């Protein structure tokens, strides 16, 4: 009887150890791959922003200025008179 309980306890503890090791190993690989992906993504984003930051024509500069001005303006409530 004592042998069966020890065996079950051994199997449970051994499975926990294997599961923890597996998470540790896969976590390290995942983190390394995730960091590489993030670096590539950030590099692409920074290149796109650098290209986007320098407008090519005067018209692009004007449109960019107007867009920024529109985004920063406050919205005012309009007053309506009801006509019957």
Protein backbone atom coordinates (compact mmCIF):
# COMPACT_ATOMS: atom_id res chain seq x y z
CA UNK A 1 0.00 0.00 0.00
CA UNK A 2 2.77 2.46 0.89
CA UNK A 3 4.55 1.62 -2.36
CA UNK A 4 1.51 2.68 -4.44
CA UNK A 5 1.22 6.03 -2.65
CA UNK A 6 4.95 6.71 -3.10
CA UNK A 7 4.73 5.78 -6.77
CA UNK A 8 1.74 8.10 -7.36
CA UNK A 9 3.50 10.90 -5.48
CA UNK A 10 6.64 10.34 -7.54
CA UNK A 11 4.66 10.48 -10.81
CA UNK A 12 2.90 13.70 -9.77
CA UNK A 13 6.10 15.44 -8.67
CA UNK A 14 7.98 14.22 -11.75
CA UNK A 15 5.23 15.54 -14.05
CA UNK A 16 5.38 18.93 -12.29
CA UNK A 17 9.14 19.09 -12.75
CA UNK A 18 8.88 18.14 -16.44
CA UNK A 19 6.13 20.73 -16.97
CA UNK A 20 8.20 23.46 -15.25
CA UNK A 21 11.30 22.62 -17.31
CA UNK A 22 9.28 22.60 -20.51
CA UNK A 23 7.79 26.02 -19.73
CA UNK A 24 11.23 27.38 -18.88
CA UNK A 25 12.83 26.11 -22.10
CA UNK A 26 9.97 27.13 -24.39
CA UNK A 27 9.68 30.47 -22.59
CA UNK A 28 13.31 31.26 -23.32
CA UNK A 29 12.93 30.38 -27.01
CA UNK A 30 9.66 32.28 -27.27
CA UNK A 31 11.11 35.37 -25.59
CA UNK A 32 14.13 35.33 -27.89
CA UNK A 33 11.98 34.96 -31.00
CA UNK A 34 9.49 37.55 -29.74
CA UNK A 35 12.29 40.08 -29.11
CA UNK A 36 13.67 39.52 -32.62
CA UNK A 37 10.20 40.05 -34.10
CA UNK A 38 9.69 43.23 -32.06
CA UNK A 39 13.07 44.62 -33.16
CA UNK A 40 12.23 43.99 -36.82
CA UNK A 41 8.76 45.50 -36.40
CA UNK A 42 10.12 48.57 -34.58
CA UNK A 43 12.78 49.07 -37.25
CA UNK A 44 10.13 48.93 -39.99
CA UNK A 45 7.90 51.34 -38.08
CA UNK A 46 10.72 53.82 -37.48
CA UNK A 47 11.71 53.72 -41.15
CA UNK A 48 8.09 54.30 -42.18
CA UNK A 49 7.77 57.22 -39.76
CA UNK A 50 11.02 58.76 -40.97
CA UNK A 51 9.83 58.53 -44.55
CA UNK A 52 6.43 59.89 -43.56
CA UNK A 53 7.86 62.78 -41.52
CA UNK A 54 9.49 64.43 -44.52
CA UNK A 55 6.71 65.57 -46.88
CA UNK A 56 7.82 65.67 -50.49
CA UNK A 57 5.85 68.64 -51.79
CA UNK A 58 4.57 71.95 -50.47
CA UNK A 59 1.00 70.65 -50.84
CA UNK A 60 1.81 67.68 -48.58
CA UNK A 61 3.25 70.05 -45.98
CA UNK A 62 0.13 72.23 -46.09
CA UNK A 63 -2.19 69.24 -45.79
CA UNK A 64 -0.15 67.86 -42.91
CA UNK A 65 -0.29 71.22 -41.11
CA UNK A 66 -4.06 71.50 -41.65
CA UNK A 67 -4.60 67.95 -40.41
CA UNK A 68 -2.61 68.60 -37.24
CA UNK A 69 -4.42 71.89 -36.68
CA UNK A 70 -7.80 70.18 -37.14
CA UNK A 71 -6.88 67.42 -34.70
CA UNK A 72 -5.90 69.91 -31.98
CA UNK A 73 -8.90 72.26 -32.27
CA UNK A 74 -11.60 72.01 -29.64
CA UNK A 75 -15.11 71.07 -30.59
CA UNK A 76 -17.76 73.71 -29.92
CA UNK A 77 -21.39 72.92 -29.31
CA UNK A 78 -23.69 74.31 -31.95
CA UNK A 79 -26.86 76.06 -30.86
CA UNK A 80 -29.96 75.31 -32.87
CA UNK A 81 -33.26 77.09 -32.83
CA UNK A 82 -36.26 74.93 -33.28
CA UNK A 83 -38.51 76.14 -36.11
CA UNK A 84 -42.21 75.30 -35.96
